[in-house]
Amino acid sequence: MKMKVIIGSLLITLFFKGFSQNPASNINYEQTKKVEQKMPQFPGGNNAFYDYLDENVTLPEGFDKEKFLKEHKNQYVPISVGFTIDVDGSIIDAKVIDGEDELLDQKALEIVKNMPKWDPGYLNGKPIKVQYAIPVRFNII
């Protein structure tokens, strides 16, 4: 019985302690900082980015479609490629994150490395490096 009283008193104390916090009206909004950021953008925007992929995603020379389809039974193959957009908009540190086939992986990496410079990302008016990952999707048929 004594334990129930102690636990009950403790719970009630904790409950009321939660309501004793400082009200939001004490916040000085003039002292808070606004973070201004701009994400990198492919030159010409998203549509130009998709056009670039459509024009450049082709099966590499020497790729055996029939053999691949027998082994994988998947018509569409996404190869995930990670990269960093540098402060000047250039592509650096490109690497295959999730691949399916050595030839497809190399082709996807080549496509990403050959992208034109992007408009860089900005944080509080200063250009910054931004990491990206995209799927380069091959149609095997």
Foldseek 3Di string as FASTA:
>chain_A
DVVVVVVVVVVVVVVVVVVPDDDPVPDDPVPDDDKDKDAWAAVPGDVVVVVLLVVQQDQDPPDDLVVCCVVPVDQKFWWKWKWKQALQQATPDIATDDHDDPRNRVSVSVSNNPGDGINAMDIPRGGHMDMDMDIRMHGSD
